[in-house]
């Protein structure tokens, strides 16, 4: 188990209700299966916004193709160790196994959002809504390195809002 000190270093409290991410002084980026921030109209018209909607609209294969892109990226990031802060309890994984993969899938399907630190890359991922996750890196250099690889997985880096 990670020490309390390392947990605090990796999982700094973020109060999204009081500050915008851009005001927090952290290296961050949003990644998505979409190539741009969707307007309300685009999001409302998309049969791929949620797992249940894709299932209902007969587009599950398309939804799962996007999900696989995230999973492939997260498997690569987690191959040598992760710390899962959410959902609780806090757990350390030496590699991506079925338990960690379930956390990731549940988050991608918006059942329970994840908060995971990928040790090798110094990157924290907060699962988000609308098929978009937030990456927070220890340094701008680590973020830039990761972002240079995101497109290889078929995902997109969204412009900061």
N, C-alpha and C. Protein backbone atom coordinates (compact mmCIF):
# COMPACT_ATOMS: atom_id res chain seq x y z
N UNK A 1 0.85 -1.19 0.00
CA UNK A 1 0.00 0.00 0.00
C UNK A 1 0.89 1.23 0.00
N UNK A 2 0.48 2.23 -0.70
CA UNK A 2 1.22 3.49 -0.76
C UNK A 2 1.10 4.21 0.58
N UNK A 3 2.13 4.97 0.90
CA UNK A 3 2.08 5.71 2.15
C UNK A 3 1.13 6.89 2.02
N UNK A 4 0.69 7.39 3.15
CA UNK A 4 -0.22 8.53 3.17
C UNK A 4 0.41 9.76 2.51
N UNK A 5 1.73 9.93 2.70
CA UNK A 5 2.43 11.06 2.10
C UNK A 5 2.41 10.97 0.59
N UNK A 6 2.70 9.77 0.04
CA UNK A 6 2.70 9.63 -1.41
C UNK A 6 1.29 9.77 -1.97
N UNK A 7 0.30 9.33 -1.23
CA UNK A 7 -1.08 9.50 -1.68
C UNK A 7 -1.42 10.98 -1.79
N UNK A 8 -1.02 11.76 -0.81
CA UNK A 8 -1.30 13.19 -0.85
C UNK A 8 -0.58 13.84 -2.03
N UNK A 9 0.63 13.38 -2.33
CA UNK A 9 1.38 13.96 -3.45
C UNK A 9 0.71 13.62 -4.78
N UNK A 10 0.21 12.40 -4.91
CA UNK A 10 -0.39 11.95 -6.17
C UNK A 10 -1.85 12.36 -6.32
N UNK A 11 -2.54 12.52 -5.21
CA UNK A 11 -3.97 12.79 -5.24
C UNK A 11 -4.32 14.08 -4.51
N UNK A 12 -3.72 15.18 -4.98
CA UNK A 12 -4.04 16.48 -4.40
C UNK A 12 -5.53 16.74 -4.54
N UNK A 13 -6.10 17.32 -3.50
CA UNK A 13 -7.52 17.65 -3.55
C UNK A 13 -7.77 18.74 -4.57
N UNK A 14 -8.74 18.53 -5.41
CA UNK A 14 -9.11 19.50 -6.43
C UNK A 14 -10.56 19.88 -6.20
N UNK A 15 -10.80 21.16 -6.06
CA UNK A 15 -12.16 21.63 -5.82
C UNK A 15 -12.68 22.29 -7.10
N UNK A 16 -13.33 21.47 -7.92
CA UNK A 16 -13.82 21.95 -9.20
C UNK A 16 -14.99 22.92 -9.04
N UNK A 17 -15.60 22.95 -7.88
CA UNK A 17 -16.70 23.85 -7.65
C UNK A 17 -16.26 25.29 -7.44
N UNK A 18 -15.03 25.46 -6.99
CA UNK A 18 -14.54 26.81 -6.68
C UNK A 18 -13.62 27.37 -7.74
N UNK A 19 -12.90 26.49 -8.45
CA UNK A 19 -11.93 26.94 -9.44
C UNK A 19 -12.07 26.13 -10.71
N UNK A 20 -11.76 26.78 -11.79
CA UNK A 20 -11.63 26.10 -13.07
C UNK A 20 -10.27 25.41 -13.07
N UNK A 21 -10.13 24.31 -13.78
CA UNK A 21 -8.86 23.57 -13.81
C UNK A 21 -7.73 24.49 -14.25
N UNK A 22 -7.99 25.38 -15.18
CA UNK A 22 -6.94 26.27 -15.69
C UNK A 22 -6.40 27.20 -14.62
N UNK A 23 -7.12 27.38 -13.53
CA UNK A 23 -6.69 28.27 -12.44
C UNK A 23 -5.95 27.53 -11.33
N UNK A 24 -5.78 26.21 -11.46
CA UNK A 24 -5.20 25.41 -10.38
C UNK A 24 -3.69 25.28 -10.44
N UNK A 25 -3.06 25.76 -11.51
CA UNK A 25 -1.60 25.70 -11.59
C UNK A 25 -1.07 24.30 -11.78
N UNK A 26 -1.78 23.45 -12.50
CA UNK A 26 -1.35 22.08 -12.74
C UNK A 26 -1.21 21.83 -14.24
N UNK A 27 -0.41 20.83 -14.58
CA UNK A 27 -0.26 20.42 -15.98
C UNK A 27 -1.40 19.44 -16.27
N UNK A 28 -2.29 19.82 -17.17
CA UNK A 28 -3.46 18.99 -17.41
C UNK A 28 -3.88 19.02 -18.87
N UNK A 29 -4.69 18.06 -19.23
CA UNK A 29 -5.30 18.02 -20.57
C UNK A 29 -6.52 17.11 -20.49
N UNK A 30 -7.43 17.34 -21.41
CA UNK A 30 -8.60 16.48 -21.54
C UNK A 30 -8.41 15.62 -22.78
N UNK A 31 -8.75 14.33 -22.65
CA UNK A 31 -8.72 13.44 -23.81
C UNK A 31 -10.11 12.87 -24.01
N UNK A 32 -10.41 12.57 -25.27
CA UNK A 32 -11.77 12.14 -25.60
C UNK A 32 -11.76 11.27 -26.85
N UNK A 33 -12.86 10.56 -27.06
CA UNK A 33 -13.08 9.86 -28.32
C UNK A 33 -13.55 10.86 -29.37
N UNK A 34 -14.03 12.00 -28.94
CA UNK A 34 -14.48 13.05 -29.86
C UNK A 34 -13.31 13.97 -30.19
N UNK A 35 -13.31 14.52 -31.38
CA UNK A 35 -12.19 15.36 -31.80
C UNK A 35 -12.36 16.83 -31.42
N UNK A 36 -13.46 17.16 -30.74
CA UNK A 36 -13.70 18.53 -30.29
C UNK A 36 -14.72 18.48 -29.15
N UNK A 37 -14.82 19.59 -28.43
CA UNK A 37 -15.85 19.69 -27.39
C UNK A 37 -17.20 19.74 -28.09
N UNK A 38 -18.08 18.85 -27.74
CA UNK A 38 -19.38 18.82 -28.38
C UNK A 38 -20.27 19.93 -27.85
N UNK A 39 -21.05 20.51 -28.73
CA UNK A 39 -22.06 21.48 -28.31
C UNK A 39 -23.18 20.70 -27.63
N UNK A 40 -24.05 21.39 -26.94
CA UNK A 40 -25.20 20.71 -26.32
C UNK A 40 -26.02 19.97 -27.37
N UNK A 41 -26.18 20.58 -28.52
CA UNK A 41 -26.97 19.96 -29.59
C UNK A 41 -26.28 18.69 -30.09
N UNK A 42 -24.96 18.75 -30.30
CA UNK A 42 -24.22 17.57 -30.76
C UNK A 42 -24.29 16.45 -29.73
N UNK A 43 -24.09 16.80 -28.48
CA UNK A 43 -24.14 15.79 -27.42
C UNK A 43 -25.52 15.16 -27.34
N UNK A 44 -26.56 15.98 -27.44
CA UNK A 44 -27.92 15.47 -27.37
C UNK A 44 -28.28 14.57 -28.54
N UNK A 45 -27.66 14.80 -29.68
CA UNK A 45 -27.96 14.02 -30.87
C UNK A 45 -27.10 12.76 -31.00
N UNK A 46 -26.03 12.67 -30.21
CA UNK A 46 -25.11 11.55 -30.35
C UNK A 46 -25.64 10.29 -29.66
N UNK A 47 -25.76 9.19 -30.42
CA UNK A 47 -26.17 7.93 -29.80
C UNK A 47 -25.02 7.26 -29.05
N UNK A 48 -23.85 7.90 -29.02
CA UNK A 48 -22.67 7.29 -28.40
C UNK A 48 -22.24 7.96 -27.10
N UNK A 49 -23.08 8.83 -26.55
CA UNK A 49 -22.68 9.56 -25.35
C UNK A 49 -22.56 8.67 -24.12
N UNK A 50 -23.43 7.68 -24.02
CA UNK A 50 -23.38 6.78 -22.86
C UNK A 50 -23.55 5.34 -23.33
N UNK A 51 -23.10 4.45 -22.50
CA UNK A 51 -23.22 3.02 -22.78
C UNK A 51 -24.69 2.64 -22.96
N UNK A 52 -25.53 3.07 -22.03
CA UNK A 52 -26.94 2.69 -22.09
C UNK A 52 -27.64 3.26 -23.33
N UNK A 53 -27.29 4.47 -23.71
CA UNK A 53 -27.87 5.06 -24.91
C UNK A 53 -27.42 4.32 -26.16
N UNK A 54 -26.15 3.98 -26.24
CA UNK A 54 -25.64 3.23 -27.39
C UNK A 54 -26.33 1.86 -27.48
N UNK A 55 -26.53 1.23 -26.35
CA UNK A 55 -27.23 -0.05 -26.31
C UNK A 55 -28.66 0.12 -26.82
N UNK A 56 -29.33 1.12 -26.32
CA UNK A 56 -30.72 1.40 -26.69
C UNK A 56 -30.84 1.73 -28.19
N UNK A 57 -29.87 2.45 -28.73
CA UNK A 57 -29.92 2.90 -30.13
C UNK A 57 -29.29 1.90 -31.11
N UNK A 58 -28.87 0.74 -30.61
CA UNK A 58 -28.27 -0.27 -31.48
C UNK A 58 -26.87 0.10 -31.96
N UNK A 59 -26.14 0.89 -31.19
CA UNK A 59 -24.81 1.36 -31.59
C UNK A 59 -23.73 0.90 -30.59
N UNK A 60 -23.99 -0.21 -29.92
CA UNK A 60 -23.07 -0.68 -28.90
C UNK A 60 -21.68 -0.97 -29.46
N UNK A 61 -21.59 -1.56 -30.65
CA UNK A 61 -20.28 -1.85 -31.24
C UNK A 61 -19.46 -0.58 -31.41
N UNK A 62 -20.10 0.49 -31.87
CA UNK A 62 -19.41 1.77 -32.04
C UNK A 62 -18.97 2.34 -30.69
N UNK A 63 -19.83 2.22 -29.70
CA UNK A 63 -19.49 2.70 -28.36
C UNK A 63 -18.27 1.93 -27.82
N UNK A 64 -18.32 0.60 -27.95
CA UNK A 64 -17.25 -0.23 -27.43
C UNK A 64 -15.93 0.01 -28.15
N UNK A 65 -15.99 0.37 -29.43
CA UNK A 65 -14.75 0.70 -30.16
C UNK A 65 -14.07 1.90 -29.51
N UNK A 66 -14.83 2.90 -29.12
CA UNK A 66 -14.26 4.06 -28.43
C UNK A 66 -13.75 3.68 -27.05
N UNK A 67 -14.49 2.84 -26.36
CA UNK A 67 -14.08 2.39 -25.02
C UNK A 67 -12.73 1.67 -25.10
N UNK A 68 -12.57 0.83 -26.12
CA UNK A 68 -11.32 0.08 -26.29
C UNK A 68 -10.12 1.02 -26.46
N UNK A 69 -10.32 2.16 -27.09
CA UNK A 69 -9.23 3.12 -27.27
C UNK A 69 -8.71 3.60 -25.93
N UNK A 70 -9.63 3.98 -25.05
CA UNK A 70 -9.23 4.39 -23.70
C UNK A 70 -8.55 3.23 -22.98
N UNK A 71 -9.14 2.05 -23.04
CA UNK A 71 -8.59 0.90 -22.32
C UNK A 71 -7.19 0.56 -22.79
N UNK A 72 -6.94 0.62 -24.09
CA UNK A 72 -5.60 0.33 -24.59
C UNK A 72 -4.59 1.35 -24.07
N UNK A 73 -4.97 2.62 -24.05
CA UNK A 73 -4.08 3.64 -23.49
C UNK A 73 -3.83 3.37 -22.01
N UNK A 74 -4.88 3.13 -21.25
CA UNK A 74 -4.73 2.93 -19.81
C UNK A 74 -3.99 1.64 -19.48
N UNK A 75 -4.16 0.61 -20.29
CA UNK A 75 -3.37 -0.62 -20.08
C UNK A 75 -1.89 -0.35 -20.28
N UNK A 76 -1.56 0.43 -21.31
CA UNK A 76 -0.16 0.77 -21.55
C UNK A 76 0.38 1.59 -20.38
N UNK A 77 -0.38 2.56 -19.92
CA UNK A 77 0.07 3.39 -18.81
C UNK A 77 0.25 2.59 -17.52
N UNK A 78 -0.61 1.61 -17.31
CA UNK A 78 -0.61 0.87 -16.06
C UNK A 78 0.18 -0.40 -16.04
N UNK A 79 0.94 -0.67 -17.07
CA UNK A 79 1.62 -1.97 -17.16
C UNK A 79 2.61 -2.23 -16.04
N UNK A 80 3.12 -1.18 -15.38
CA UNK A 80 4.09 -1.38 -14.30
C UNK A 80 3.65 -0.81 -12.97
N UNK A 81 2.39 -0.47 -12.85
CA UNK A 81 1.93 -0.05 -11.54
C UNK A 81 1.02 1.16 -11.54
N UNK A 82 0.00 1.06 -10.71
CA UNK A 82 -0.96 2.14 -10.53
C UNK A 82 -1.40 2.18 -9.08
N UNK A 83 -1.92 3.33 -8.73
CA UNK A 83 -2.59 3.47 -7.44
C UNK A 83 -3.99 3.95 -7.77
N UNK A 84 -4.97 3.22 -7.30
CA UNK A 84 -6.37 3.57 -7.54
C UNK A 84 -6.90 4.25 -6.29
N UNK A 85 -7.22 5.53 -6.41
CA UNK A 85 -7.72 6.31 -5.29
C UNK A 85 -9.25 6.25 -5.21
N UNK A 86 -9.88 6.11 -6.36
CA UNK A 86 -11.33 6.05 -6.41
C UNK A 86 -11.72 5.11 -7.51
N UNK A 87 -12.66 4.23 -7.30
CA UNK A 87 -13.47 4.11 -6.09
C UNK A 87 -12.65 3.51 -4.94
N UNK A 88 -13.08 3.80 -3.75
CA UNK A 88 -12.42 3.33 -2.54
C UNK A 88 -12.63 1.84 -2.38
N UNK A 89 -11.80 1.15 -1.66
CA UNK A 89 -10.66 1.62 -0.90
C UNK A 89 -9.47 1.90 -1.83
N UNK A 90 -8.50 2.67 -1.34
CA UNK A 90 -7.29 2.93 -2.09
C UNK A 90 -6.56 1.60 -2.27
N UNK A 91 -6.15 1.35 -3.52
CA UNK A 91 -5.48 0.09 -3.82
C UNK A 91 -4.30 0.33 -4.74
N UNK A 92 -3.28 -0.49 -4.58
CA UNK A 92 -2.13 -0.46 -5.47
C UNK A 92 -2.17 -1.70 -6.34
N UNK A 93 -1.90 -1.51 -7.63
CA UNK A 93 -1.86 -2.61 -8.58
C UNK A 93 -0.48 -2.64 -9.22
N UNK A 94 0.11 -3.82 -9.30
CA UNK A 94 1.42 -3.96 -9.93
C UNK A 94 1.33 -3.91 -11.44
N UNK A 95 0.18 -4.30 -11.98
CA UNK A 95 -0.09 -4.28 -13.41
C UNK A 95 -1.60 -4.17 -13.60
N UNK A 96 -2.03 -4.06 -14.81
CA UNK A 96 -3.47 -4.01 -15.06
C UNK A 96 -4.00 -5.44 -15.00
N UNK A 97 -4.90 -5.67 -14.06
CA UNK A 97 -5.54 -6.98 -13.93
C UNK A 97 -7.05 -6.81 -14.07
N UNK A 98 -7.80 -7.86 -13.87
CA UNK A 98 -9.25 -7.80 -14.09
C UNK A 98 -9.92 -6.83 -13.12
N UNK A 99 -9.38 -6.69 -11.91
CA UNK A 99 -9.98 -5.76 -10.95
C UNK A 99 -9.79 -4.31 -11.38
N UNK A 100 -8.59 -3.98 -11.82
CA UNK A 100 -8.32 -2.62 -12.27
C UNK A 100 -9.06 -2.33 -13.58
N UNK A 101 -9.11 -3.31 -14.44
CA UNK A 101 -9.83 -3.13 -15.70
C UNK A 101 -11.32 -2.87 -15.42
N UNK A 102 -11.88 -3.52 -14.42
CA UNK A 102 -13.29 -3.27 -14.07
C UNK A 102 -13.48 -1.83 -13.60
N UNK A 103 -12.53 -1.32 -12.81
CA UNK A 103 -12.59 0.08 -12.38
C UNK A 103 -12.61 0.99 -13.60
N UNK A 104 -11.74 0.70 -14.56
CA UNK A 104 -11.65 1.53 -15.76
C UNK A 104 -12.93 1.46 -16.59
N UNK A 105 -13.44 0.26 -16.81
CA UNK A 105 -14.67 0.10 -17.60
C UNK A 105 -15.85 0.76 -16.90
N UNK A 106 -15.97 0.56 -15.60
CA UNK A 106 -17.06 1.21 -14.86
C UNK A 106 -17.00 2.73 -15.01
N UNK A 107 -15.78 3.27 -15.00
CA UNK A 107 -15.63 4.71 -15.16
C UNK A 107 -16.00 5.15 -16.57
N UNK A 108 -15.52 4.42 -17.56
CA UNK A 108 -15.81 4.77 -18.94
C UNK A 108 -17.31 4.69 -19.23
N UNK A 109 -18.00 3.83 -18.50
CA UNK A 109 -19.45 3.70 -18.68
C UNK A 109 -20.22 4.56 -17.67
N UNK A 110 -19.49 5.40 -16.95
CA UNK A 110 -20.05 6.37 -16.01
C UNK A 110 -20.85 5.74 -14.88
N UNK A 111 -20.47 4.51 -14.49
CA UNK A 111 -21.10 3.88 -13.32
C UNK A 111 -20.51 4.46 -12.04
N UNK A 112 -19.18 4.43 -11.97
CA UNK A 112 -18.41 5.00 -10.85
C UNK A 112 -17.13 5.54 -11.45
N UNK A 113 -16.92 6.83 -11.36
CA UNK A 113 -15.76 7.43 -11.99
C UNK A 113 -14.48 7.10 -11.23
N UNK A 114 -13.41 6.97 -11.97
CA UNK A 114 -12.13 6.56 -11.39
C UNK A 114 -11.23 7.76 -11.13
N UNK A 115 -10.27 7.54 -10.26
CA UNK A 115 -9.18 8.46 -9.98
C UNK A 115 -7.96 7.57 -9.80
N UNK A 116 -7.10 7.51 -10.82
CA UNK A 116 -5.99 6.56 -10.85
C UNK A 116 -4.70 7.30 -11.16
N UNK A 117 -3.64 6.91 -10.45
CA UNK A 117 -2.31 7.43 -10.69
C UNK A 117 -1.47 6.35 -11.35
N UNK A 118 -0.91 6.66 -12.52
CA UNK A 118 -0.06 5.73 -13.26
C UNK A 118 1.39 6.04 -12.93
N UNK A 119 2.00 5.19 -12.11
CA UNK A 119 3.31 5.44 -11.51
C UNK A 119 4.41 5.69 -12.52
N UNK A 120 4.53 4.86 -13.56
CA UNK A 120 5.61 5.00 -14.53
C UNK A 120 5.59 6.34 -15.26
N UNK A 121 4.42 6.90 -15.43
CA UNK A 121 4.28 8.09 -16.25
C UNK A 121 4.06 9.37 -15.43
N UNK A 122 3.85 9.22 -14.12
CA UNK A 122 3.61 10.40 -13.30
C UNK A 122 2.35 11.13 -13.71
N UNK A 123 1.33 10.36 -14.07
CA UNK A 123 0.09 10.93 -14.58
C UNK A 123 -1.10 10.38 -13.80
N UNK A 124 -1.96 11.27 -13.44
CA UNK A 124 -3.23 10.94 -12.76
C UNK A 124 -4.35 11.09 -13.78
N UNK A 125 -5.28 10.15 -13.77
CA UNK A 125 -6.44 10.21 -14.66
C UNK A 125 -7.69 10.24 -13.82
N UNK A 126 -8.50 11.26 -14.06
CA UNK A 126 -9.81 11.35 -13.43
C UNK A 126 -10.85 11.06 -14.51
N UNK A 127 -11.59 9.99 -14.29
CA UNK A 127 -12.65 9.65 -15.22
C UNK A 127 -13.68 10.74 -15.25
N UNK A 128 -14.19 11.00 -16.44
CA UNK A 128 -15.17 12.07 -16.59
C UNK A 128 -16.40 11.62 -17.34
N UNK A 129 -17.26 12.55 -17.57
CA UNK A 129 -18.50 12.29 -18.29
C UNK A 129 -18.31 12.61 -19.77
N UNK A 130 -19.27 12.20 -20.55
CA UNK A 130 -19.31 12.52 -21.98
C UNK A 130 -18.08 12.02 -22.73
N UNK A 131 -17.57 10.87 -22.30
CA UNK A 131 -16.47 10.20 -22.98
C UNK A 131 -15.20 11.04 -23.04
N UNK A 132 -14.99 11.78 -21.96
CA UNK A 132 -13.84 12.66 -21.85
C UNK A 132 -13.24 12.50 -20.46
N UNK A 133 -11.93 12.23 -20.38
CA UNK A 133 -11.23 12.09 -19.11
C UNK A 133 -10.20 13.20 -18.96
N UNK A 134 -9.89 13.51 -17.70
CA UNK A 134 -8.93 14.55 -17.36
C UNK A 134 -7.61 13.90 -16.97
N UNK A 135 -6.52 14.35 -17.61
CA UNK A 135 -5.17 13.90 -17.27
C UNK A 135 -4.49 15.02 -16.49
N UNK A 136 -3.84 14.66 -15.39
CA UNK A 136 -3.06 15.61 -14.61
C UNK A 136 -1.67 15.00 -14.44
N UNK A 137 -0.66 15.72 -14.89
CA UNK A 137 0.71 15.20 -14.84
C UNK A 137 1.52 15.92 -13.77
N UNK A 138 2.55 15.23 -13.30
CA UNK A 138 3.44 15.82 -12.30
C UNK A 138 4.18 17.03 -12.87
N UNK A 139 4.50 16.96 -14.17
CA UNK A 139 5.22 18.06 -14.81
C UNK A 139 4.64 18.27 -16.21
N UNK A 140 4.90 19.42 -16.75
CA UNK A 140 4.47 19.72 -18.11
C UNK A 140 5.17 18.79 -19.10
N UNK A 141 6.42 18.45 -18.84
CA UNK A 141 7.16 17.56 -19.73
C UNK A 141 6.52 16.17 -19.76
N UNK A 142 6.10 15.67 -18.62
CA UNK A 142 5.45 14.35 -18.58
C UNK A 142 4.11 14.40 -19.30
N UNK A 143 3.40 15.49 -19.16
CA UNK A 143 2.14 15.64 -19.86
C UNK A 143 2.37 15.67 -21.37
N UNK A 144 3.32 16.45 -21.81
CA UNK A 144 3.61 16.55 -23.24
C UNK A 144 4.03 15.20 -23.82
N UNK A 145 4.81 14.44 -23.08
CA UNK A 145 5.22 13.11 -23.54
C UNK A 145 4.00 12.22 -23.72
N UNK A 146 3.12 12.22 -22.75
CA UNK A 146 1.92 11.41 -22.84
C UNK A 146 1.02 11.87 -23.98
N UNK A 147 0.83 13.16 -24.11
CA UNK A 147 -0.05 13.68 -25.15
C UNK A 147 0.48 13.37 -26.54
N UNK A 148 1.80 13.24 -26.66
CA UNK A 148 2.38 12.90 -27.97
C UNK A 148 2.00 11.48 -28.39
N UNK A 149 1.53 10.68 -27.44
CA UNK A 149 1.18 9.29 -27.73
C UNK A 149 -0.32 9.04 -27.81
N UNK A 150 -1.13 9.98 -27.36
CA UNK A 150 -2.58 9.78 -27.27
C UNK A 150 -3.19 9.46 -28.63
N UNK A 151 -2.75 10.15 -29.67
CA UNK A 151 -3.32 9.92 -31.00
C UNK A 151 -3.06 8.50 -31.51
N UNK A 152 -1.98 7.88 -31.07
CA UNK A 152 -1.68 6.51 -31.47
C UNK A 152 -2.78 5.55 -31.03
N UNK A 153 -3.52 5.93 -30.03
CA UNK A 153 -4.60 5.10 -29.50
C UNK A 153 -5.96 5.48 -30.08
N UNK A 154 -5.96 6.45 -31.00
CA UNK A 154 -7.20 6.87 -31.63
C UNK A 154 -8.02 7.84 -30.80
N UNK A 155 -7.38 8.42 -29.78
CA UNK A 155 -8.05 9.41 -28.94
C UNK A 155 -7.58 10.80 -29.33
N UNK A 156 -8.29 11.80 -28.83
CA UNK A 156 -8.00 13.17 -29.18
C UNK A 156 -7.73 13.99 -27.92
N UNK A 157 -6.80 14.92 -28.05
CA UNK A 157 -6.54 15.89 -27.00
C UNK A 157 -7.43 17.08 -27.32
N UNK A 158 -8.29 17.42 -26.38
CA UNK A 158 -9.20 18.55 -26.60
C UNK A 158 -8.54 19.84 -26.17
N UNK A 159 -8.86 20.93 -26.86
CA UNK A 159 -8.32 22.22 -26.41
C UNK A 159 -8.87 22.53 -25.02
N UNK A 160 -8.04 23.15 -24.21
CA UNK A 160 -8.51 23.49 -22.86
C UNK A 160 -9.68 24.45 -22.96
N UNK A 161 -10.74 24.15 -22.20
CA UNK A 161 -11.94 25.00 -22.29
C UNK A 161 -11.72 26.39 -21.77
